[in-house]
Amino acid sequence: MTEQVTTPAPITDAAITEAAARLRTASESATPVAPVRDLIGTADIAAAYAVQQVGVAERLAGGARRVGRKIGLTSEAVQAQLGVDQPDFGVLFDDMVIPDGGTLATGAVLQPRAEAELAFVLADDLDGEIDAARVRAAIAYGVAAIEICGSRVADWDISFGDTVADNASAGAYVLGTDHKTLAEFEPREVTMTMSIDDAEVSTGTGAACLGDPIEAVVWLAEQVRDLGEPLRAGEIILSGALGPMRPITAGATVSATVAPLGTVTFTTQQ
């Protein structure tokens, strides 16, 4: 007897719309909601990014400005934390940035967690054929960064599809002030330590980010190029965690040193 293989039913436009609406409700009410995997499944990548794109379009229509992209789930430590095995990406908006030494307002990010990473600012567009040499040539400089991830899904109960739909759990970010070109440092060789209230909570190296943060940007550039939205000059790229992310509470001070790029810090509102 031949075994029959059941093909999963395609995710409907109605399900994508409903998933986006559920996540929007979390933002509007500042209250995390149930996962959206009951609507789009756990591993339908196209459906998950379709939900993300609905949310991005709503933010842009509301006046937000896209300033860059974030790569998520690049560190094995973070993948293990969330039970996933591949990277994802999301969009950075102009209202997500916190100045170095600044304060994260209460409620600005739901269920915030911090992770230290290396950010790049592009000097040139990245479209057409893309490889590591092309990416290196397009980078104006690198800078130490802290990403403040957040989840609109209650208790961070997320599958890969949930986090992609939720704009890759993007919340806010802080950039340091020490800018270095790739002639001045090698991304895969940076070392990172992150502390919360002076207690060390995370360590890592550039090699923890897909083996090399440059390769993470290659991956991102190819993904968004294929979607017809290539990386552009001036965009900020958060290349991915260099170590485990950690939850943060009200009144905390978070500091990360990404050597040789210096230290970046922020506090959370009491």
C-alpha atoms as a PDB file:
ATOM      1  CA  MET A   1       0.000   0.000   0.000  1.00  0.00           C
ATOM      2  CA  THR A   2       1.340   3.417  -0.917  1.00  0.00           C
ATOM      3  CA  GLU A   3       1.476   5.812   2.001  1.00  0.00           C
ATOM      4  CA  GLN A   4      -0.424   8.994   1.332  1.00  0.00           C
ATOM      5  CA  VAL A   5       1.297  12.283   2.122  1.00  0.00           C
ATOM      6  CA  THR A   6      -0.939  15.067   3.324  1.00  0.00           C
ATOM      7  CA  THR A   7       0.010  18.500   2.070  1.00  0.00           C
ATOM      8  CA  PRO A   8      -0.704  21.276   4.580  1.00  0.00           C
ATOM      9  CA  ALA A   9      -3.430  23.666   3.475  1.00  0.00           C
ATOM     10  CA  PRO A  10      -2.071  27.054   2.334  1.00  0.00           C
ATOM     11  CA  ILE A  11      -2.365  29.913   4.783  1.00  0.00           C
ATOM     12  CA  THR A  12      -5.203  32.198   3.736  1.00  0.00           C
ATOM     13  CA  ASP A  13      -5.090  35.966   3.378  1.00  0.00           C
ATOM     14  CA  ALA A  14      -7.743  36.123   6.098  1.00  0.00           C
ATOM     15  CA  ALA A  15      -5.459  34.281   8.511  1.00  0.00           C
ATOM     16  CA  ILE A  16      -2.579  36.655   7.742  1.00  0.00           C
ATOM     17  CA  THR A  17      -4.845  39.664   8.297  1.00  0.00           C
ATOM     18  CA  GLU A  18      -6.112  38.228  11.573  1.00  0.00           C
ATOM     19  CA  ALA A  19      -2.592  37.482  12.813  1.00  0.00           C
ATOM     20  CA  ALA A  20      -1.462  41.034  12.035  1.00  0.00           C
ATOM     21  CA  ALA A  21      -4.538  42.419  13.802  1.00  0.00           C
ATOM     22  CA  ARG A  22      -3.798  40.344  16.902  1.00  0.00           C
ATOM     23  CA  LEU A  23      -0.262  41.700  17.109  1.00  0.00           C
ATOM     24  CA  ARG A  24      -1.517  45.229  16.485  1.00  0.00           C
ATOM     25  CA  THR A  25      -3.902  44.811  19.430  1.00  0.00           C
ATOM     26  CA  ALA A  26      -0.916  43.990  21.643  1.00  0.00           C
ATOM     27  CA  SER A  27       0.796  47.221  20.601  1.00  0.00           C
ATOM     28  CA  GLU A  28      -2.307  49.354  21.075  1.00  0.00           C
ATOM     29  CA  SER A  29      -3.198  47.877  24.451  1.00  0.00           C
ATOM     30  CA  ALA A  30       0.401  47.402  25.668  1.00  0.00           C
ATOM     31  CA  THR A  31      -0.643  43.883  26.620  1.00  0.00           C
ATOM     32  CA  PRO A  32       0.957  40.734  25.160  1.00  0.00           C
ATOM     33  CA  VAL A  33      -1.358  38.408  23.253  1.00  0.00           C
ATOM     34  CA  ALA A  34      -1.538  34.730  22.393  1.00  0.00           C
ATOM     35  CA  PRO A  35       0.870  33.379  19.760  1.00  0.00           C
ATOM     36  CA  VAL A  36      -0.240  33.642  16.146  1.00  0.00           C
ATOM     37  CA  ARG A  37       0.843  30.122  15.195  1.00  0.00           C
ATOM     38  CA  ASP A  38      -2.747  28.933  15.511  1.00  0.00           C
ATOM     39  CA  LEU A  39      -3.380  31.120  12.439  1.00  0.00           C
ATOM     40  CA  ILE A  40      -0.189  30.791  10.368  1.00  0.00           C
ATOM     41  CA  GLY A  41       1.523  27.663  11.700  1.00  0.00           C
ATOM     42  CA  THR A  42       5.009  27.381  13.146  1.00  0.00           C
ATOM     43  CA  ALA A  43       7.197  27.085  10.072  1.00  0.00           C
ATOM     44  CA  ASP A  44       5.422  28.702   7.101  1.00  0.00           C
ATOM     45  CA  ILE A  45       8.092  31.310   6.452  1.00  0.00           C
ATOM     46  CA  ALA A  46       6.222  33.044   3.626  1.00  0.00           C
ATOM     47  CA  ALA A  47       3.110  33.451   5.771  1.00  0.00           C
ATOM     48  CA  ALA A  48       5.102  34.745   8.734  1.00  0.00           C
ATOM     49  CA  TYR A  49       6.839  37.391   6.634  1.00  0.00           C
ATOM     50  CA  ALA A  50       3.505  38.298   5.049  1.00  0.00           C
ATOM     51  CA  VAL A  51       2.188  39.100   8.533  1.00  0.00           C
ATOM     52  CA  GLN A  52       5.335  41.107   9.255  1.00  0.00           C
ATOM     53  CA  GLN A  53       4.878  43.061   6.029  1.00  0.00           C
ATOM     54  CA  VAL A  54       1.309  43.988   7.001  1.00  0.00           C
ATOM     55  CA  GLY A  55       2.602  45.382  10.288  1.00  0.00           C
ATOM     56  CA  VAL A  56       5.433  47.262   8.582  1.00  0.00           C
ATOM     57  CA  ALA A  57       3.024  48.787   6.056  1.00  0.00           C
ATOM     58  CA  GLU A  58       0.775  49.947   8.898  1.00  0.00           C
ATOM     59  CA  ARG A  59       3.701  51.588  10.690  1.00  0.00           C
ATOM     60  CA  LEU A  60       4.806  53.368   7.517  1.00  0.00           C
ATOM     61  CA  ALA A  61       1.265  54.515   6.785  1.00  0.00           C
ATOM     62  CA  GLY A  62       1.128  55.896  10.325  1.00  0.00           C
ATOM     63  CA  GLY A  63       4.163  58.110   9.701  1.00  0.00           C
ATOM     64  CA  ALA A  64       7.039  55.959  10.909  1.00  0.00           C
ATOM     65  CA  ARG A  65      10.188  55.959   8.780  1.00  0.00           C
ATOM     66  CA  ARG A  66      12.258  52.878   8.031  1.00  0.00           C
ATOM     67  CA  VAL A  67      15.915  53.436   8.936  1.00  0.00           C
ATOM     68  CA  GLY A  68      17.381  49.949   8.718  1.00  0.00           C
ATOM     69  CA  ARG A  69      17.041  46.248   9.363  1.00  0.00           C
ATOM     70  CA  LYS A  70      17.806  43.843  12.165  1.00  0.00           C
ATOM     71  CA  ILE A  71      19.010  40.293  11.855  1.00  0.00           C
ATOM     72  CA  GLY A  72      17.787  37.980  14.567  1.00  0.00           C
ATOM     73  CA  LEU A  73      18.550  34.480  15.788  1.00  0.00           C
ATOM     74  CA  THR A  74      22.155  34.497  14.560  1.00  0.00           C
ATOM     75  CA  SER A  75      23.709  33.249  17.786  1.00  0.00           C
ATOM     76  CA  GLU A  76      23.491  29.563  18.697  1.00  0.00           C
ATOM     77  CA  ALA A  77      22.924  30.659  22.281  1.00  0.00           C
ATOM     78  CA  VAL A  78      19.861  32.720  21.335  1.00  0.00           C
ATOM     79  CA  GLN A  79      18.589  30.030  18.975  1.00  0.00           C
ATOM     80  CA  ALA A  80      18.810  27.559  21.844  1.00  0.00           C
ATOM     81  CA  GLN A  81      16.982  29.987  24.148  1.00  0.00           C
ATOM     82  CA  LEU A  82      14.063  30.222  21.720  1.00  0.00           C
ATOM     83  CA  GLY A  83      14.147  26.722  20.260  1.00  0.00           C
ATOM     84  CA  VAL A  84      14.824  27.761  16.642  1.00  0.00           C
ATOM     85  CA  ASP A  85      17.552  26.874  14.152  1.00  0.00           C
ATOM     86  CA  GLN A  86      17.725  29.673  11.566  1.00  0.00           C
ATOM     87  CA  PRO A  87      18.075  33.469  11.408  1.00  0.00           C
ATOM     88  CA  ASP A  88      15.324  35.937  10.615  1.00  0.00           C
ATOM     89  CA  PHE A  89      15.075  39.658   9.938  1.00  0.00           C
ATOM     90  CA  GLY A  90      12.899  42.633  10.790  1.00  0.00           C
ATOM     91  CA  VAL A  91      12.616  46.360  10.153  1.00  0.00           C
ATOM     92  CA  LEU A  92      14.029  49.212  12.243  1.00  0.00           C
ATOM     93  CA  PHE A  93      11.985  52.422  12.476  1.00  0.00           C
ATOM     94  CA  ASP A  94      13.100  55.921  13.391  1.00  0.00           C
ATOM     95  CA  ASP A  95      11.230  55.878  16.710  1.00  0.00           C
ATOM     96  CA  MET A  96      13.109  52.786  17.953  1.00  0.00           C
ATOM     97  CA  VAL A  97      16.447  54.497  18.583  1.00  0.00           C
ATOM     98  CA  ILE A  98      17.592  55.438  22.096  1.00  0.00           C
ATOM     99  CA  PRO A  99      20.686  57.661  22.401  1.00  0.00           C
ATOM    100  CA  ASP A 100      23.762  56.214  24.067  1.00  0.00           C
ATOM    101  CA  GLY A 101      23.258  56.752  27.790  1.00  0.00           C
ATOM    102  CA  GLY A 102      19.537  57.352  27.290  1.00  0.00           C
ATOM    103  CA  THR A 103      16.446  55.843  28.881  1.00  0.00           C
ATOM    104  CA  LEU A 104      13.965  53.248  27.667  1.00  0.00           C
ATOM    105  CA  ALA A 105      10.512  54.507  28.601  1.00  0.00           C
ATOM    106  CA  THR A 106       8.178  52.243  30.536  1.00  0.00           C
ATOM    107  CA  GLY A 107       5.969  50.299  28.140  1.00  0.00           C
ATOM    108  CA  ALA A 108       7.936  51.294  25.037  1.00  0.00           C
ATOM    109  CA  VAL A 109       8.934  47.654  24.521  1.00  0.00           C
ATOM    110  CA  LEU A 110       6.814  44.761  25.750  1.00  0.00           C
ATOM    111  CA  GLN A 111       8.665  42.140  27.822  1.00  0.00           C
ATOM    112  CA  PRO A 112      12.075  43.681  27.036  1.00  0.00           C
ATOM    113  CA  ARG A 113      15.264  41.675  26.740  1.00  0.00           C
ATOM    114  CA  ALA A 114      18.709  43.052  25.889  1.00  0.00           C
ATOM    115  CA  GLU A 115      21.407  41.616  23.675  1.00  0.00           C
ATOM    116  CA  ALA A 116      24.742  43.107  22.635  1.00  0.00           C
ATOM    117  CA  GLU A 117      25.812  43.138  19.029  1.00  0.00           C
ATOM    118  CA  LEU A 118      27.701  44.819  16.249  1.00  0.00           C
ATOM    119  CA  ALA A 119      25.867  47.332  14.070  1.00  0.00           C
ATOM    120  CA  PHE A 120      26.896  48.557  10.638  1.00  0.00           C
ATOM    121  CA  VAL A 121      25.957  51.684   8.716  1.00  0.00           C
ATOM    122  CA  LEU A 122      25.979  51.383   4.932  1.00  0.00           C
ATOM    123  CA  ALA A 123      27.676  53.802   2.578  1.00  0.00           C
ATOM    124  CA  ASP A 124      26.315  52.150  -0.579  1.00  0.00           C
ATOM    125  CA  ASP A 125      23.276  50.225  -1.770  1.00  0.00           C
ATOM    126  CA  LEU A 126      23.429  46.433  -1.757  1.00  0.00           C
ATOM    127  CA  ASP A 127      21.541  45.032  -4.729  1.00  0.00           C
ATOM    128  CA  GLY A 128      22.460  42.803  -7.660  1.00  0.00           C
ATOM    129  CA  GLU A 129      25.172  40.208  -7.016  1.00  0.00           C
ATOM    130  CA  ILE A 130      26.158  40.086  -3.362  1.00  0.00           C
ATOM    131  CA  ASP A 131      29.098  38.456  -1.599  1.00  0.00           C
ATOM    132  CA  ALA A 132      31.288  39.188   1.426  1.00  0.00           C
ATOM    133  CA  ALA A 133      33.625  41.466  -0.528  1.00  0.00           C
ATOM    134  CA  ARG A 134      30.699  43.497  -1.832  1.00  0.00           C
ATOM    135  CA  VAL A 135      29.240  43.831   1.664  1.00  0.00           C
ATOM    136  CA  ARG A 136      32.567  44.935   3.120  1.00  0.00           C
ATOM    137  CA  ALA A 137      32.946  47.589   0.444  1.00  0.00           C
ATOM    138  CA  ALA A 138      29.436  48.889   1.159  1.00  0.00           C
ATOM    139  CA  ILE A 139      29.937  49.343   4.926  1.00  0.00           C
ATOM    140  CA  ALA A 140      30.818  52.864   6.054  1.00  0.00           C
ATOM    141  CA  TYR A 141      31.592  51.848   9.639  1.00  0.00           C
ATOM    142  CA  GLY A 142      30.754  49.549  12.507  1.00  0.00           C
ATOM    143  CA  VAL A 143      29.592  50.512  15.990  1.00  0.00           C
ATOM    144  CA  ALA A 144      28.826  48.779  19.283  1.00  0.00           C
ATOM    145  CA  ALA A 145      25.105  48.287  19.834  1.00  0.00           C
ATOM    146  CA  ILE A 146      22.524  46.960  22.239  1.00  0.00           C
ATOM    147  CA  GLU A 147      19.302  45.677  20.802  1.00  0.00           C
ATOM    148  CA  ILE A 148      16.279  45.738  23.101  1.00  0.00           C
ATOM    149  CA  CYS A 149      14.147  42.884  21.852  1.00  0.00           C
ATOM    150  CA  GLY A 150      10.490  42.709  22.775  1.00  0.00           C
ATOM    151  CA  SER A 151       7.696  40.260  22.203  1.00  0.00           C
ATOM    152  CA  ARG A 152       4.043  41.019  21.728  1.00  0.00           C
ATOM    153  CA  VAL A 153       3.448  37.325  22.386  1.00  0.00           C
ATOM    154  CA  ALA A 154       2.699  36.549  26.032  1.00  0.00           C
ATOM    155  CA  ASP A 155       5.553  34.994  28.019  1.00  0.00           C
ATOM    156  CA  TRP A 156       7.798  34.921  24.931  1.00  0.00           C
ATOM    157  CA  ASP A 157       5.969  31.723  23.967  1.00  0.00           C
ATOM    158  CA  ILE A 158       7.168  31.904  20.385  1.00  0.00           C
ATOM    159  CA  SER A 159       7.855  29.607  17.478  1.00  0.00           C
ATOM    160  CA  PHE A 160       9.898  30.734  14.483  1.00  0.00           C
ATOM    161  CA  GLY A 161       6.706  31.856  12.744  1.00  0.00           C
ATOM    162  CA  ASP A 162       5.587  33.879  15.763  1.00  0.00           C
ATOM    163  CA  THR A 163       8.792  35.881  16.035  1.00  0.00           C
ATOM    164  CA  VAL A 164       9.041  36.550  12.289  1.00  0.00           C
ATOM    165  CA  ALA A 165       5.438  37.758  12.238  1.00  0.00           C
ATOM    166  CA  ASP A 166       6.243  40.000  15.212  1.00  0.00           C
ATOM    167  CA  ASN A 167       8.837  41.934  13.176  1.00  0.00           C
ATOM    168  CA  ALA A 168      11.567  39.567  14.397  1.00  0.00           C
ATOM    169  CA  SER A 169      10.849  40.706  17.985  1.00  0.00           C
ATOM    170  CA  ALA A 170      12.314  44.156  17.253  1.00  0.00           C
ATOM    171  CA  GLY A 171      11.777  46.698  20.008  1.00  0.00           C
ATOM    172  CA  ALA A 172      14.440  49.396  20.321  1.00  0.00           C
ATOM    173  CA  TYR A 173      18.182  49.809  19.967  1.00  0.00           C
ATOM    174  CA  VAL A 174      21.114  51.886  21.212  1.00  0.00           C
ATOM    175  CA  LEU A 175      24.217  52.703  19.183  1.00  0.00           C
ATOM    176  CA  GLY A 176      27.595  53.658  20.607  1.00  0.00           C
ATOM    177  CA  THR A 177      29.496  56.747  19.564  1.00  0.00           C
ATOM    178  CA  ASP A 178      32.824  55.169  18.553  1.00  0.00           C
ATOM    179  CA  HIS A 179      32.720  54.526  14.809  1.00  0.00           C
ATOM    180  CA  LYS A 180      35.382  52.331  13.172  1.00  0.00           C
ATOM    181  CA  THR A 181      35.877  51.358   9.556  1.00  0.00           C
ATOM    182  CA  LEU A 182      36.614  47.772   8.533  1.00  0.00           C
ATOM    183  CA  ALA A 183      40.207  48.864   8.004  1.00  0.00           C
ATOM    184  CA  GLU A 184      40.358  49.445  11.762  1.00  0.00           C
ATOM    185  CA  PHE A 185      38.806  46.221  13.070  1.00  0.00           C
ATOM    186  CA  GLU A 186      37.762  42.733  12.019  1.00  0.00           C
ATOM    187  CA  PRO A 187      34.097  41.982  12.827  1.00  0.00           C
ATOM    188  CA  ARG A 188      34.490  38.265  13.546  1.00  0.00           C
ATOM    189  CA  GLU A 189      37.261  39.030  16.061  1.00  0.00           C
ATOM    190  CA  VAL A 190      35.382  41.479  18.303  1.00  0.00           C
ATOM    191  CA  THR A 191      34.752  40.461  21.903  1.00  0.00           C
ATOM    192  CA  MET A 192      31.638  41.349  23.879  1.00  0.00           C
ATOM    193  CA  THR A 193      30.668  41.592  27.517  1.00  0.00           C
ATOM    194  CA  MET A 194      27.260  42.818  28.692  1.00  0.00           C
ATOM    195  CA  SER A 195      26.316  43.778  32.232  1.00  0.00           C
ATOM    196  CA  ILE A 196      23.081  44.634  33.990  1.00  0.00           C
ATOM    197  CA  ASP A 197      23.561  46.795  37.081  1.00  0.00           C
ATOM    198  CA  ASP A 198      27.299  46.036  36.990  1.00  0.00           C
ATOM    199  CA  ALA A 199      26.785  42.255  37.021  1.00  0.00           C
ATOM    200  CA  GLU A 200      28.126  40.477  33.931  1.00  0.00           C
ATOM    201  CA  VAL A 201      25.281  38.581  32.263  1.00  0.00           C
ATOM    202  CA  SER A 202      26.466  37.781  28.728  1.00  0.00           C
ATOM    203  CA  THR A 203      29.719  37.313  26.831  1.00  0.00           C
ATOM    204  CA  GLY A 204      30.576  36.423  23.255  1.00  0.00           C
ATOM    205  CA  THR A 205      32.609  37.131  20.151  1.00  0.00           C
ATOM    206  CA  GLY A 206      31.993  38.182  16.586  1.00  0.00           C
ATOM    207  CA  ALA A 207      32.325  34.577  15.501  1.00  0.00           C
ATOM    208  CA  ALA A 208      29.145  33.760  17.465  1.00  0.00           C
ATOM    209  CA  CYS A 209      27.140  35.669  14.839  1.00  0.00           C
ATOM    210  CA  LEU A 210      26.766  33.101  12.027  1.00  0.00           C
ATOM    211  CA  GLY A 211      30.536  32.626  12.165  1.00  0.00           C
ATOM    212  CA  ASP A 212      31.120  36.218  11.033  1.00  0.00           C
ATOM    213  CA  PRO A 213      28.835  39.291  11.239  1.00  0.00           C
ATOM    214  CA  ILE A 214      29.739  40.065   7.623  1.00  0.00           C
ATOM    215  CA  GLU A 215      28.207  36.754   6.553  1.00  0.00           C
ATOM    216  CA  ALA A 216      25.071  37.673   8.495  1.00  0.00           C
ATOM    217  CA  VAL A 217      24.794  40.862   6.441  1.00  0.00           C
ATOM    218  CA  VAL A 218      25.376  38.885   3.233  1.00  0.00           C
ATOM    219  CA  TRP A 219      22.469  36.639   4.201  1.00  0.00           C
ATOM    220  CA  LEU A 220      20.236  39.625   4.967  1.00  0.00           C
ATOM    221  CA  ALA A 221      21.174  41.487   1.785  1.00  0.00           C
ATOM    222  CA  GLU A 222      20.254  38.476  -0.328  1.00  0.00           C
ATOM    223  CA  GLN A 223      16.954  37.937   1.484  1.00  0.00           C
ATOM    224  CA  VAL A 224      15.684  41.493   1.135  1.00  0.00           C
ATOM    225  CA  ARG A 225      17.019  41.854  -2.415  1.00  0.00           C
ATOM    226  CA  ASP A 226      14.968  38.826  -3.418  1.00  0.00           C
ATOM    227  CA  LEU A 227      11.906  40.489  -1.863  1.00  0.00           C
ATOM    228  CA  GLY A 228      12.478  43.579  -4.002  1.00  0.00           C
ATOM    229  CA  GLU A 229      13.521  45.757  -1.038  1.00  0.00           C
ATOM    230  CA  PRO A 230      17.347  45.848  -1.148  1.00  0.00           C
ATOM    231  CA  LEU A 231      19.495  47.443   1.508  1.00  0.00           C
ATOM    232  CA  ARG A 232      20.201  51.110   0.819  1.00  0.00           C
ATOM    233  CA  ALA A 233      22.982  53.555   1.643  1.00  0.00           C
ATOM    234  CA  GLY A 234      22.498  55.107   5.059  1.00  0.00           C
ATOM    235  CA  GLU A 235      20.636  52.147   6.534  1.00  0.00           C
ATOM    236  CA  ILE A 236      21.552  50.797   9.965  1.00  0.00           C
ATOM    237  CA  ILE A 237      22.038  47.035  10.170  1.00  0.00           C
ATOM    238  CA  LEU A 238      21.916  45.276  13.525  1.00  0.00           C
ATOM    239  CA  SER A 239      23.874  42.170  12.578  1.00  0.00           C
ATOM    240  CA  GLY A 240      22.766  39.847  15.388  1.00  0.00           C
ATOM    241  CA  ALA A 241      23.491  38.858  18.970  1.00  0.00           C
ATOM    242  CA  LEU A 242      27.023  37.993  20.054  1.00  0.00           C
ATOM    243  CA  GLY A 243      25.754  36.158  23.129  1.00  0.00           C
ATOM    244  CA  PRO A 244      22.592  35.301  25.059  1.00  0.00           C
ATOM    245  CA  MET A 245      19.909  37.950  25.494  1.00  0.00           C
ATOM    246  CA  ARG A 246      18.789  38.757  29.010  1.00  0.00           C
ATOM    247  CA  PRO A 247      15.529  40.105  30.485  1.00  0.00           C
ATOM    248  CA  ILE A 248      15.613  43.618  31.893  1.00  0.00           C
ATOM    249  CA  THR A 249      13.458  45.238  34.547  1.00  0.00           C
ATOM    250  CA  ALA A 250      12.472  48.773  35.509  1.00  0.00           C
ATOM    251  CA  GLY A 251      15.334  50.880  36.820  1.00  0.00           C
ATOM    252  CA  ALA A 252      18.073  48.662  35.370  1.00  0.00           C
ATOM    253  CA  THR A 253      21.258  49.957  33.755  1.00  0.00           C
ATOM    254  CA  VAL A 254      22.496  47.894  30.830  1.00  0.00           C
ATOM    255  CA  SER A 255      26.020  48.293  29.494  1.00  0.00           C
ATOM    256  CA  ALA A 256      27.830  46.441  26.725  1.00  0.00           C
ATOM    257  CA  THR A 257      31.436  46.645  25.613  1.00  0.00           C
ATOM    258  CA  VAL A 258      32.199  45.426  22.108  1.00  0.00           C
ATOM    259  CA  ALA A 259      35.963  45.676  21.850  1.00  0.00           C
ATOM    260  CA  PRO A 260      37.554  47.494  20.089  1.00  0.00           C
ATOM    261  CA  LEU A 261      34.414  49.559  19.423  1.00  0.00           C
ATOM    262  CA  GLY A 262      33.871  50.825  22.939  1.00  0.00           C
ATOM    263  CA  THR A 263      30.942  50.758  25.321  1.00  0.00           C
ATOM    264  CA  VAL A 264      27.254  51.511  24.881  1.00  0.00           C
ATOM    265  CA  THR A 265      24.708  51.874  27.681  1.00  0.00           C
ATOM    266  CA  PHE A 266      21.113  52.717  28.552  1.00  0.00           C
ATOM    267  CA  THR A 267      18.789  52.628  31.544  1.00  0.00           C
ATOM    268  CA  THR A 268      15.177  51.592  31.909  1.00  0.00           C
ATOM    269  CA  GLN A 269      12.688  53.983  33.418  1.00  0.00           C
ATOM    270  CA  GLN A 270      11.959  53.320  37.087  1.00  0.00           C
END
